[in-house]
Amino acid sequence: MKITTGNFEVIYSSWAPSFRVNDVVLSLAEEPEITIRIGIKREDTLEGTDIQLDFSKAKHLGITVVNPHKLSHMGVPDPVEIGAIRGKKLLFSVRVDMFGNYTSFAVTYAFLLEA
C-alpha cells in the first residue's frame, strides 16, 4: 500500500498510548537516528494552548503540548522536518488526544517523506 498526502509519502503512521501521563518516546534506530519525546504540561497561568518544540539536543526532538485539556485534540499545524532519507526530507506529524482530567493521553503520529 502507498499512502500520499500533498507532496509527501506517508512511510509510517501509528498510535501510541501514554501510561497515565508519562511521556511517549519514539526512538528511530535507523538513519536518521533520532529520539522524539512527546509530553503534556498543564499550565494554569496560561489562558490558551501551546505546542513547544525543542531541538536543543542533537538527534532529539522534544514536543510539549501545553494545556491539551482545553481543546482535547491538539497537534502540530505542519509536519516538522527531522532529517533526511536518501536525500529527501523526512518530516514528523503528531496529534495528542486527552482522556479524562489528565488521566492519560494518546499520540497519533506519522513519518512523511518528501515525494
PDB file of N, CA and C in Angstrom:
ATOM      1  N   MET A   1       0.838  -1.167   0.000  1.00  0.00           N
ATOM      2  CA  MET A   1       0.000   0.000   0.000  1.00  0.00           C
ATOM      3  C   MET A   1       0.890   1.240   0.000  1.00  0.00           C
ATOM      4  N   LYS A   2       0.503   2.231  -0.759  1.00  0.00           N
ATOM      5  CA  LYS A   2       1.208   3.503  -0.784  1.00  0.00           C
ATOM      6  C   LYS A   2       0.217   4.585  -0.367  1.00  0.00           C
ATOM      7  N   ILE A   3       0.617   5.395   0.615  1.00  0.00           N
ATOM      8  CA  ILE A   3      -0.237   6.477   1.102  1.00  0.00           C
ATOM      9  C   ILE A   3       0.478   7.789   0.833  1.00  0.00           C
ATOM     10  N   THR A   4      -0.217   8.734   0.217  1.00  0.00           N
ATOM     11  CA  THR A   4       0.348  10.054  -0.026  1.00  0.00           C
ATOM     12  C   THR A   4      -0.602  11.117   0.504  1.00  0.00           C
ATOM     13  N   THR A   5      -0.034  12.261   0.823  1.00  0.00           N
ATOM     14  CA  THR A   5      -0.811  13.430   1.203  1.00  0.00           C
ATOM     15  C   THR A   5      -0.058  14.647   0.703  1.00  0.00           C
ATOM     16  N   GLY A   6      -0.678  15.387  -0.209  1.00  0.00           N
ATOM     17  CA  GLY A   6       0.019  16.518  -0.815  1.00  0.00           C
ATOM     18  C   GLY A   6       1.267  16.026  -1.520  1.00  0.00           C
ATOM     19  N   ASN A   7       2.395  16.650  -1.221  1.00  0.00           N
ATOM     20  CA  ASN A   7       3.671  16.307  -1.846  1.00  0.00           C
ATOM     21  C   ASN A   7       4.499  15.361  -0.969  1.00  0.00           C
ATOM     22  N   PHE A   8       3.842  14.569  -0.140  1.00  0.00           N
ATOM     23  CA  PHE A   8       4.553  13.691   0.781  1.00  0.00           C
ATOM     24  C   PHE A   8       4.006  12.270   0.733  1.00  0.00           C
ATOM     25  N   GLU A   9       4.899  11.319   0.968  1.00  0.00           N
ATOM     26  CA  GLU A   9       4.514   9.923   1.106  1.00  0.00           C
ATOM     27  C   GLU A   9       4.545   9.575   2.586  1.00  0.00           C
ATOM     28  N   VAL A  10       3.481   8.964   3.072  1.00  0.00           N
ATOM     29  CA  VAL A  10       3.440   8.520   4.466  1.00  0.00           C
ATOM     30  C   VAL A  10       4.209   7.205   4.516  1.00  0.00           C
ATOM     31  N   ILE A  11       5.374   7.217   5.182  1.00  0.00           N
ATOM     32  CA  ILE A  11       6.171   5.991   5.222  1.00  0.00           C
ATOM     33  C   ILE A  11       5.875   5.151   6.469  1.00  0.00           C
ATOM     34  N   TYR A  12       5.289   5.785   7.496  1.00  0.00           N
ATOM     35  CA  TYR A  12       4.877   5.036   8.680  1.00  0.00           C
ATOM     36  C   TYR A  12       3.937   5.912   9.486  1.00  0.00           C
ATOM     37  N   SER A  13       2.875   5.314   9.992  1.00  0.00           N
ATOM     38  CA  SER A  13       1.990   6.034  10.898  1.00  0.00           C
ATOM     39  C   SER A  13       1.443   5.049  11.911  1.00  0.00           C
ATOM     40  N   SER A  14       1.129   5.571  13.107  1.00  0.00           N
ATOM     41  CA  SER A  14       0.623   4.705  14.156  1.00  0.00           C
ATOM     42  C   SER A  14       0.010   5.539  15.277  1.00  0.00           C
ATOM     43  N   TRP A  15      -0.358   4.852  16.333  1.00  0.00           N
ATOM     44  CA  TRP A  15      -0.970   5.436  17.520  1.00  0.00           C
ATOM     45  C   TRP A  15      -0.273   4.824  18.721  1.00  0.00           C
ATOM     46  N   ALA A  16       0.000   5.634  19.744  1.00  0.00           N
ATOM     47  CA  ALA A  16       0.632   5.113  20.954  1.00  0.00           C
ATOM     48  C   ALA A  16      -0.034   5.721  22.180  1.00  0.00           C
ATOM     49  N   PRO A  17      -0.400   4.889  23.154  1.00  0.00           N
ATOM     50  CA  PRO A  17      -0.993   5.414  24.378  1.00  0.00           C
ATOM     51  C   PRO A  17       0.086   5.815  25.374  1.00  0.00           C
ATOM     52  N   SER A  18      -0.242   6.787  26.204  1.00  0.00           N
ATOM     53  CA  SER A  18       0.643   7.087  27.330  1.00  0.00           C
ATOM     54  C   SER A  18       0.214   6.188  28.485  1.00  0.00           C
ATOM     55  N   PHE A  19       1.125   5.919  29.370  1.00  0.00           N
ATOM     56  CA  PHE A  19       0.764   5.228  30.605  1.00  0.00           C
ATOM     57  C   PHE A  19       0.523   6.330  31.621  1.00  0.00           C
ATOM     58  N   ARG A  20      -0.726   6.544  31.924  1.00  0.00           N
ATOM     59  CA  ARG A  20      -1.167   7.682  32.727  1.00  0.00           C
ATOM     60  C   ARG A  20      -0.782   8.947  31.977  1.00  0.00           C
ATOM     61  N   VAL A  21       0.088   9.776  32.483  1.00  0.00           N
ATOM     62  CA  VAL A  21       0.504  10.980  31.737  1.00  0.00           C
ATOM     63  C   VAL A  21       2.016  11.006  31.528  1.00  0.00           C
ATOM     64  N   ASN A  22       2.632   9.832  31.491  1.00  0.00           N
ATOM     65  CA  ASN A  22       4.063   9.761  31.203  1.00  0.00           C
ATOM     66  C   ASN A  22       4.308  10.091  29.733  1.00  0.00           C
ATOM     67  N   ASP A  23       5.493  10.618  29.444  1.00  0.00           N
ATOM     68  CA  ASP A  23       5.864  10.940  28.071  1.00  0.00           C
ATOM     69  C   ASP A  23       5.827   9.696  27.192  1.00  0.00           C
ATOM     70  N   VAL A  24       5.558   9.901  25.920  1.00  0.00           N
ATOM     71  CA  VAL A  24       5.668   8.853  24.913  1.00  0.00           C
ATOM     72  C   VAL A  24       6.968   9.121  24.172  1.00  0.00           C
ATOM     73  N   VAL A  25       7.838   8.110  24.076  1.00  0.00           N
ATOM     74  CA  VAL A  25       9.149   8.281  23.463  1.00  0.00           C
ATOM     75  C   VAL A  25       9.259   7.358  22.252  1.00  0.00           C
ATOM     76  N   LEU A  26       9.575   7.959  21.106  1.00  0.00           N
ATOM     77  CA  LEU A  26       9.792   7.208  19.866  1.00  0.00           C
ATOM     78  C   LEU A  26      11.277   7.274  19.557  1.00  0.00           C
ATOM     79  N   SER A  27      11.906   6.140  19.323  1.00  0.00           N
ATOM     80  CA  SER A  27      13.335   6.101  19.011  1.00  0.00           C
ATOM     81  C   SER A  27      13.540   5.443  17.657  1.00  0.00           C
ATOM     82  N   LEU A  28      14.085   6.197  16.714  1.00  0.00           N
ATOM     83  CA  LEU A  28      14.405   5.659  15.399  1.00  0.00           C
ATOM     84  C   LEU A  28      15.799   5.063  15.480  1.00  0.00           C
ATOM     85  N   ALA A  29      15.917   3.799  15.180  1.00  0.00           N
ATOM     86  CA  ALA A  29      17.205   3.121  15.265  1.00  0.00           C
ATOM     87  C   ALA A  29      17.998   3.225  13.973  1.00  0.00           C
ATOM     88  N   GLU A  30      17.326   3.597  12.895  1.00  0.00           N
ATOM     89  CA  GLU A  30      17.995   3.697  11.606  1.00  0.00           C
ATOM     90  C   GLU A  30      18.267   5.155  11.283  1.00  0.00           C
ATOM     91  N   GLU A  31      18.962   5.394  10.198  1.00  0.00           N
ATOM     92  CA  GLU A  31      19.244   6.774   9.788  1.00  0.00           C
ATOM     93  C   GLU A  31      17.974   7.465   9.344  1.00  0.00           C
ATOM     94  N   PRO A  32      17.698   8.683   9.754  1.00  0.00           N
ATOM     95  CA  PRO A  32      18.482   9.392  10.756  1.00  0.00           C
ATOM     96  C   PRO A  32      18.134   8.872  12.153  1.00  0.00           C
ATOM     97  N   GLU A  33      19.139   8.670  12.960  1.00  0.00           N
ATOM     98  CA  GLU A  33      18.946   8.193  14.321  1.00  0.00           C
ATOM     99  C   GLU A  33      18.463   9.379  15.150  1.00  0.00           C
ATOM    100  N   ILE A  34      17.251   9.294  15.675  1.00  0.00           N
ATOM    101  CA  ILE A  34      16.679  10.417  16.413  1.00  0.00           C
ATOM    102  C   ILE A  34      15.696   9.891  17.455  1.00  0.00           C
ATOM    103  N   THR A  35      15.557  10.635  18.540  1.00  0.00           N
ATOM    104  CA  THR A  35      14.586  10.327  19.578  1.00  0.00           C
ATOM    105  C   THR A  35      13.574  11.465  19.621  1.00  0.00           C
ATOM    106  N   ILE A  36      12.306  11.105  19.660  1.00  0.00           N
ATOM    107  CA  ILE A  36      11.235  12.084  19.752  1.00  0.00           C
ATOM    108  C   ILE A  36      10.494  11.817  21.054  1.00  0.00           C
ATOM    109  N   ARG A  37      10.457  12.816  21.934  1.00  0.00           N
ATOM    110  CA  ARG A  37       9.781  12.685  23.228  1.00  0.00           C
ATOM    111  C   ARG A  37       8.569  13.611  23.218  1.00  0.00           C
ATOM    112  N   ILE A  38       7.390  13.036  23.436  1.00  0.00           N
ATOM    113  CA  ILE A  38       6.149  13.796  23.412  1.00  0.00           C
ATOM    114  C   ILE A  38       5.544  13.781  24.805  1.00  0.00           C
ATOM    115  N   GLY A  39       5.321  14.963  25.349  1.00  0.00           N
ATOM    116  CA  GLY A  39       4.756  15.065  26.684  1.00  0.00           C
ATOM    117  C   GLY A  39       3.699  16.149  26.757  1.00  0.00           C
ATOM    118  N   ILE A  40       2.998  16.181  27.868  1.00  0.00           N
ATOM    119  CA  ILE A  40       1.989  17.206  28.085  1.00  0.00           C
ATOM    120  C   ILE A  40       2.313  17.975  29.358  1.00  0.00           C
ATOM    121  N   LYS A  41       1.798  19.196  29.417  1.00  0.00           N
ATOM    122  CA  LYS A  41       2.018  20.030  30.593  1.00  0.00           C
ATOM    123  C   LYS A  41       0.777  20.873  30.818  1.00  0.00           C
ATOM    124  N   ARG A  42       0.327  20.896  32.043  1.00  0.00           N
ATOM    125  CA  ARG A  42      -0.792  21.768  32.421  1.00  0.00           C
ATOM    126  C   ARG A  42      -0.197  23.055  32.954  1.00  0.00           C
ATOM    127  N   GLU A  43      -0.603  24.174  32.386  1.00  0.00           N
ATOM    128  CA  GLU A  43      -0.090  25.485  32.785  1.00  0.00           C
ATOM    129  C   GLU A  43      -1.295  26.380  33.062  1.00  0.00           C
ATOM    130  N   ASP A  44      -1.734  26.398  34.313  1.00  0.00           N
ATOM    131  CA  ASP A  44      -2.956  27.118  34.672  1.00  0.00           C
ATOM    132  C   ASP A  44      -2.834  28.630  34.500  1.00  0.00           C
ATOM    133  N   THR A  45      -1.627  29.173  34.503  1.00  0.00           N
ATOM    134  CA  THR A  45      -1.465  30.621  34.323  1.00  0.00           C
ATOM    135  C   THR A  45      -1.614  31.037  32.858  1.00  0.00           C
ATOM    136  N   LEU A  46      -1.591  30.084  31.944  1.00  0.00           N
ATOM    137  CA  LEU A  46      -1.741  30.360  30.519  1.00  0.00           C
ATOM    138  C   LEU A  46      -3.208  30.136  30.137  1.00  0.00           C
ATOM    139  N   GLU A  47      -3.823  31.145  29.527  1.00  0.00           N
ATOM    140  CA  GLU A  47      -5.236  31.027  29.170  1.00  0.00           C
ATOM    141  C   GLU A  47      -5.471  30.075  28.007  1.00  0.00           C
ATOM    142  N   GLY A  48      -4.549  30.037  27.055  1.00  0.00           N
ATOM    143  CA  GLY A  48      -4.749  29.237  25.864  1.00  0.00           C
ATOM    144  C   GLY A  48      -3.966  27.944  25.889  1.00  0.00           C
ATOM    145  N   THR A  49      -3.634  27.501  24.678  1.00  0.00           N
ATOM    146  CA  THR A  49      -2.874  26.274  24.488  1.00  0.00           C
ATOM    147  C   THR A  49      -1.595  26.600  23.733  1.00  0.00           C
ATOM    148  N   ASP A  50      -0.664  25.658  23.711  1.00  0.00           N
ATOM    149  CA  ASP A  50       0.594  25.874  23.007  1.00  0.00           C
ATOM    150  C   ASP A  50       1.221  24.515  22.713  1.00  0.00           C
ATOM    151  N   ILE A  51       2.037  24.480  21.670  1.00  0.00           N
ATOM    152  CA  ILE A  51       2.863  23.313  21.381  1.00  0.00           C
ATOM    153  C   ILE A  51       4.293  23.815  21.286  1.00  0.00           C
ATOM    154  N   GLN A  52       5.161  23.307  22.147  1.00  0.00           N
ATOM    155  CA  GLN A  52       6.553  23.745  22.194  1.00  0.00           C
ATOM    156  C   GLN A  52       7.443  22.673  21.594  1.00  0.00           C
ATOM    157  N   LEU A  53       8.293  23.083  20.635  1.00  0.00           N
ATOM    158  CA  LEU A  53       9.251  22.173  20.010  1.00  0.00           C
ATOM    159  C   LEU A  53      10.630  22.511  20.528  1.00  0.00           C
ATOM    160  N   ASP A  54      11.390  21.495  20.920  1.00  0.00           N
ATOM    161  CA  ASP A  54      12.726  21.704  21.475  1.00  0.00           C
ATOM    162  C   ASP A  54      13.729  20.848  20.704  1.00  0.00           C
ATOM    163  N   PHE A  55      14.567  21.520  19.907  1.00  0.00           N
ATOM    164  CA  PHE A  55      15.629  20.853  19.154  1.00  0.00           C
ATOM    165  C   PHE A  55      16.988  21.102  19.794  1.00  0.00           C
ATOM    166  N   SER A  56      17.038  21.458  21.081  1.00  0.00           N
ATOM    167  CA  SER A  56      18.296  21.902  21.703  1.00  0.00           C
ATOM    168  C   SER A  56      19.332  20.789  21.839  1.00  0.00           C
ATOM    169  N   LYS A  57      18.923  19.536  21.880  1.00  0.00           N
ATOM    170  CA  LYS A  57      19.867  18.421  21.972  1.00  0.00           C
ATOM    171  C   LYS A  57      20.021  17.780  20.601  1.00  0.00           C
ATOM    172  N   ALA A  58      21.236  17.380  20.270  1.00  0.00           N
ATOM    173  CA  ALA A  58      21.488  16.724  18.983  1.00  0.00           C
ATOM    174  C   ALA A  58      20.692  15.419  18.906  1.00  0.00           C
ATOM    175  N   LYS A  59      20.096  15.171  17.762  1.00  0.00           N
ATOM    176  CA  LYS A  59      19.349  13.948  17.480  1.00  0.00           C
ATOM    177  C   LYS A  59      18.168  13.736  18.428  1.00  0.00           C
ATOM    178  N   HIS A  60      17.598  14.839  18.907  1.00  0.00           N
ATOM    179  CA  HIS A  60      16.473  14.754  19.840  1.00  0.00           C
ATOM    180  C   HIS A  60      15.467  15.855  19.532  1.00  0.00           C
ATOM    181  N   LEU A  61      14.202  15.489  19.449  1.00  0.00           N
ATOM    182  CA  LEU A  61      13.119  16.456  19.320  1.00  0.00           C
ATOM    183  C   LEU A  61      12.203  16.284  20.514  1.00  0.00           C
ATOM    184  N   GLY A  62      12.047  17.333  21.289  1.00  0.00           N
ATOM    185  CA  GLY A  62      11.101  17.329  22.397  1.00  0.00           C
ATOM    186  C   GLY A  62       9.850  18.085  21.988  1.00  0.00           C
ATOM    187  N   ILE A  63       8.708  17.490  22.199  1.00  0.00           N
ATOM    188  CA  ILE A  63       7.436  18.137  21.897  1.00  0.00           C
ATOM    189  C   ILE A  63       6.629  18.168  23.190  1.00  0.00           C
ATOM    190  N   THR A  64       6.284  19.377  23.623  1.00  0.00           N
ATOM    191  CA  THR A  64       5.461  19.533  24.822  1.00  0.00           C
ATOM    192  C   THR A  64       4.151  20.195  24.425  1.00  0.00           C
ATOM    193  N   VAL A  65       3.065  19.524  24.709  1.00  0.00           N
ATOM    194  CA  VAL A  65       1.738  20.048  24.422  1.00  0.00           C
ATOM    195  C   VAL A  65       1.217  20.656  25.722  1.00  0.00           C
ATOM    196  N   VAL A  66       1.003  21.976  25.695  1.00  0.00           N
ATOM    197  CA  VAL A  66       0.612  22.707  26.896  1.00  0.00           C
ATOM    198  C   VAL A  66      -0.901  22.923  26.899  1.00  0.00           C
ATOM    199  N   ASN A  67      -1.529  22.534  27.982  1.00  0.00           N
ATOM    200  CA  ASN A  67      -2.971  22.679  28.203  1.00  0.00           C
ATOM    201  C   ASN A  67      -3.831  21.943  27.171  1.00  0.00           C
ATOM    202  N   PRO A  68      -3.530  20.686  26.876  1.00  0.00           N
ATOM    203  CA  PRO A  68      -4.351  19.972  25.900  1.00  0.00           C
ATOM    204  C   PRO A  68      -5.792  19.771  26.363  1.00  0.00           C
ATOM    205  N   HIS A  69      -6.034  19.877  27.673  1.00  0.00           N
ATOM    206  CA  HIS A  69      -7.396  19.698  28.179  1.00  0.00           C
ATOM    207  C   HIS A  69      -8.352  20.776  27.670  1.00  0.00           C
ATOM    208  N   LYS A  70      -7.814  21.895  27.212  1.00  0.00           N
ATOM    209  CA  LYS A  70      -8.673  22.985  26.745  1.00  0.00           C
ATOM    210  C   LYS A  70      -9.231  22.728  25.349  1.00  0.00           C
ATOM    211  N   LEU A  71      -8.612  21.830  24.586  1.00  0.00           N
ATOM    212  CA  LEU A  71      -9.102  21.508  23.248  1.00  0.00           C
ATOM    213  C   LEU A  71      -9.412  20.028  23.072  1.00  0.00           C
ATOM    214  N   SER A  72      -8.876  19.188  23.878  1.00  0.00           N
ATOM    215  CA  SER A  72      -8.932  17.721  23.851  1.00  0.00           C
ATOM    216  C   SER A  72      -8.172  17.101  22.679  1.00  0.00           C
ATOM    217  N   HIS A  73      -8.017  17.800  21.542  1.00  0.00           N
ATOM    218  CA  HIS A  73      -7.212  17.311  20.423  1.00  0.00           C
ATOM    219  C   HIS A  73      -6.270  18.436  20.007  1.00  0.00           C
ATOM    220  N   MET A  74      -4.983  18.174  20.007  1.00  0.00           N
ATOM    221  CA  MET A  74      -4.010  19.183  19.586  1.00  0.00           C
ATOM    222  C   MET A  74      -2.927  18.517  18.762  1.00  0.00           C
ATOM    223  N   GLY A  75      -2.351  19.273  17.831  1.00  0.00           N
ATOM    224  CA  GLY A  75      -1.262  18.745  17.032  1.00  0.00           C
ATOM    225  C   GLY A  75      -0.505  19.853  16.345  1.00  0.00           C
ATOM    226  N   VAL A  76       0.623  19.494  15.735  1.00  0.00           N
ATOM    227  CA  VAL A  76       1.399  20.491  15.001  1.00  0.00           C
ATOM    228  C   VAL A  76       0.643  20.835  13.717  1.00  0.00           C
ATOM    229  N   PRO A  77       0.558  22.128  13.366  1.00  0.00           N
ATOM    230  CA  PRO A  77      -0.198  22.507  12.171  1.00  0.00           C
ATOM    231  C   PRO A  77       0.454  22.036  10.875  1.00  0.00           C
ATOM    232  N   ASP A  78       1.774  21.971  10.854  1.00  0.00           N
ATOM    233  CA  ASP A  78       2.517  21.496   9.692  1.00  0.00           C
ATOM    234  C   ASP A  78       3.538  20.470  10.163  1.00  0.00           C
ATOM    235  N   PRO A  79       3.829  19.465   9.347  1.00  0.00           N
ATOM    236  CA  PRO A  79       4.850  18.489   9.737  1.00  0.00           C
ATOM    237  C   PRO A  79       6.194  19.176  10.019  1.00  0.00           C
ATOM    238  N   VAL A  80       6.946  18.606  10.960  1.00  0.00           N
ATOM    239  CA  VAL A  80       8.235  19.148  11.389  1.00  0.00           C
ATOM    240  C   VAL A  80       9.347  18.357  10.702  1.00  0.00           C
ATOM    241  N   GLU A  81      10.280  19.051  10.060  1.00  0.00           N
ATOM    242  CA  GLU A  81      11.405  18.375   9.413  1.00  0.00           C
ATOM    243  C   GLU A  81      12.363  17.852  10.483  1.00  0.00           C
ATOM    244  N   ILE A  82      12.670  16.555  10.414  1.00  0.00           N
ATOM    245  CA  ILE A  82      13.545  15.959  11.423  1.00  0.00           C
ATOM    246  C   ILE A  82      14.811  15.345  10.835  1.00  0.00           C
ATOM    247  N   GLY A  83      14.943  15.326   9.535  1.00  0.00           N
ATOM    248  CA  GLY A  83      16.138  14.742   8.928  1.00  0.00           C
ATOM    249  C   GLY A  83      15.916  14.489   7.454  1.00  0.00           C
ATOM    250  N   ALA A  84      16.699  13.546   6.926  1.00  0.00           N
ATOM    251  CA  ALA A  84      16.590  13.195   5.506  1.00  0.00           C
ATOM    252  C   ALA A  84      16.842  11.707   5.328  1.00  0.00           C
ATOM    253  N   ILE A  85      16.204  11.147   4.327  1.00  0.00           N
ATOM    254  CA  ILE A  85      16.415   9.759   3.917  1.00  0.00           C
ATOM    255  C   ILE A  85      16.634   9.768   2.409  1.00  0.00           C
ATOM    256  N   ARG A  86      17.748   9.208   1.992  1.00  0.00           N
ATOM    257  CA  ARG A  86      18.083   9.159   0.567  1.00  0.00           C
ATOM    258  C   ARG A  86      17.954  10.528  -0.115  1.00  0.00           C
ATOM    259  N   GLY A  87      18.368  11.566   0.581  1.00  0.00           N
ATOM    260  CA  GLY A  87      18.350  12.913   0.022  1.00  0.00           C
ATOM    261  C   GLY A  87      16.994  13.592   0.016  1.00  0.00           C
ATOM    262  N   LYS A  88      15.980  12.954   0.593  1.00  0.00           N
ATOM    263  CA  LYS A  88      14.645  13.549   0.664  1.00  0.00           C
ATOM    264  C   LYS A  88      14.326  13.925   2.107  1.00  0.00           C
ATOM    265  N   LYS A  89      13.591  15.014   2.284  1.00  0.00           N
ATOM    266  CA  LYS A  89      13.228  15.470   3.625  1.00  0.00           C
ATOM    267  C   LYS A  89      12.352  14.442   4.340  1.00  0.00           C
ATOM    268  N   LEU A  90      12.689  14.190   5.613  1.00  0.00           N
ATOM    269  CA  LEU A  90      11.878  13.354   6.485  1.00  0.00           C
ATOM    270  C   LEU A  90      11.169  14.281   7.457  1.00  0.00           C
ATOM    271  N   LEU A  91       9.859  14.156   7.523  1.00  0.00           N
ATOM    272  CA  LEU A  91       9.065  15.019   8.387  1.00  0.00           C
ATOM    273  C   LEU A  91       8.258  14.186   9.371  1.00  0.00           C
ATOM    274  N   PHE A  92       7.833  14.836  10.457  1.00  0.00           N
ATOM    275  CA  PHE A  92       7.091  14.168  11.516  1.00  0.00           C
ATOM    276  C   PHE A  92       5.838  14.983  11.822  1.00  0.00           C
ATOM    277  N   SER A  93       4.706  14.314  11.878  1.00  0.00           N
ATOM    278  CA  SER A  93       3.437  14.947  12.212  1.00  0.00           C
ATOM    279  C   SER A  93       2.882  14.255  13.452  1.00  0.00           C
ATOM    280  N   VAL A  94       2.279  15.033  14.348  1.00  0.00           N
ATOM    281  CA  VAL A  94       1.786  14.443  15.595  1.00  0.00           C
ATOM    282  C   VAL A  94       0.507  15.136  16.043  1.00  0.00           C
ATOM    283  N   ARG A  95      -0.344  14.352  16.698  1.00  0.00           N
ATOM    284  CA  ARG A  95      -1.565  14.861  17.312  1.00  0.00           C
ATOM    285  C   ARG A  95      -1.713  14.179  18.659  1.00  0.00           C
ATOM    286  N   VAL A  96      -2.138  14.932  19.673  1.00  0.00           N
ATOM    287  CA  VAL A  96      -2.321  14.411  21.024  1.00  0.00           C
ATOM    288  C   VAL A  96      -3.805  14.493  21.376  1.00  0.00           C
ATOM    289  N   ASP A  97      -4.332  13.401  21.916  1.00  0.00           N
ATOM    290  CA  ASP A  97      -5.718  13.346  22.372  1.00  0.00           C
ATOM    291  C   ASP A  97      -5.730  13.095  23.882  1.00  0.00           C
ATOM    292  N   MET A  98      -6.407  13.964  24.630  1.00  0.00           N
ATOM    293  CA  MET A  98      -6.504  13.826  26.094  1.00  0.00           C
ATOM    294  C   MET A  98      -7.653  12.900  26.462  1.00  0.00           C
ATOM    295  N   PHE A  99      -7.459  12.184  27.576  1.00  0.00           N
ATOM    296  CA  PHE A  99      -8.515  11.359  28.136  1.00  0.00           C
ATOM    297  C   PHE A  99      -8.699  11.754  29.591  1.00  0.00           C
ATOM    298  N   GLY A 100      -9.913  12.098  29.954  1.00  0.00           N
ATOM    299  CA  GLY A 100     -10.198  12.475  31.331  1.00  0.00           C
ATOM    300  C   GLY A 100      -9.493  13.764  31.713  1.00  0.00           C
ATOM    301  N   ASN A 101      -9.427  14.017  32.995  1.00  0.00           N
ATOM    302  CA  ASN A 101      -8.770  15.207  33.525  1.00  0.00           C
ATOM    303  C   ASN A 101      -7.322  14.855  33.853  1.00  0.00           C
ATOM    304  N   TYR A 102      -6.493  14.787  32.794  1.00  0.00           N
ATOM    305  CA  TYR A 102      -5.087  14.410  32.905  1.00  0.00           C
ATOM    306  C   TYR A 102      -4.935  12.995  33.463  1.00  0.00           C
ATOM    307  N   THR A 103      -5.815  12.112  33.008  1.00  0.00           N
ATOM    308  CA  THR A 103      -5.716  10.704  33.361  1.00  0.00           C
ATOM    309  C   THR A 103      -4.701  10.016  32.461  1.00  0.00           C
ATOM    310  N   SER A 104      -4.806  10.264  31.151  1.00  0.00           N
ATOM    311  CA  SER A 104      -3.849   9.736  30.185  1.00  0.00           C
ATOM    312  C   SER A 104      -4.046  10.474  28.863  1.00  0.00           C
ATOM    313  N   PHE A 105      -3.166  10.191  27.918  1.00  0.00           N
ATOM    314  CA  PHE A 105      -3.300  10.762  26.584  1.00  0.00           C
ATOM    315  C   PHE A 105      -2.800   9.755  25.574  1.00  0.00           C
ATOM    316  N   ALA A 106      -3.124  10.004  24.320  1.00  0.00           N
ATOM    317  CA  ALA A 106      -2.662   9.147  23.238  1.00  0.00           C
ATOM    318  C   ALA A 106      -2.045  10.021  22.159  1.00  0.00           C
ATOM    319  N   VAL A 107      -1.090   9.451  21.449  1.00  0.00           N
ATOM    320  CA  VAL A 107      -0.376  10.156  20.393  1.00  0.00           C
ATOM    321  C   VAL A 107      -0.654   9.439  19.073  1.00  0.00           C
ATOM    322  N   THR A 108      -1.119  10.190  18.092  1.00  0.00           N
ATOM    323  CA  THR A 108      -1.242   9.698  16.724  1.00  0.00           C
ATOM    324  C   THR A 108      -0.152  10.377  15.929  1.00  0.00           C
ATOM    325  N   TYR A 109       0.652   9.615  15.213  1.00  0.00           N
ATOM    326  CA  TYR A 109       1.808  10.218  14.554  1.00  0.00           C
ATOM    327  C   TYR A 109       2.053   9.599  13.183  1.00  0.00           C
ATOM    328  N   ALA A 110       2.797  10.357  12.377  1.00  0.00           N
ATOM    329  CA  ALA A 110       3.145   9.876  11.041  1.00  0.00           C
ATOM    330  C   ALA A 110       4.523  10.401  10.659  1.00  0.00           C
ATOM    331  N   PHE A 111       5.272   9.572   9.961  1.00  0.00           N
ATOM    332  CA  PHE A 111       6.538   9.973   9.354  1.00  0.00           C
ATOM    333  C   PHE A 111       6.286  10.117   7.860  1.00  0.00           C
ATOM    334  N   LEU A 112       6.669  11.260   7.314  1.00  0.00           N
ATOM    335  CA  LEU A 112       6.394  11.583   5.926  1.00  0.00           C
ATOM    336  C   LEU A 112       7.708  11.799   5.195  1.00  0.00           C
ATOM    337  N   LEU A 113       7.748  11.380   3.949  1.00  0.00           N
ATOM    338  CA  LEU A 113       8.931  11.557   3.117  1.00  0.00           C
ATOM    339  C   LEU A 113       8.547  12.423   1.924  1.00  0.00           C
ATOM    340  N   GLU A 114       9.369  13.435   1.682  1.00  0.00           N
ATOM    341  CA  GLU A 114       9.135  14.343   0.561  1.00  0.00           C
ATOM    342  C   GLU A 114       9.086  13.517  -0.730  1.00  0.00           C
ATOM    343  N   ALA A 115       8.052  13.735  -1.538  1.00  0.00           N
ATOM    344  CA  ALA A 115       7.891  12.965  -2.768  1.00  0.00           C
ATOM    345  C   ALA A 115       8.829  13.462  -3.857  1.00  0.00           C
TER     346      ALA A 115
END
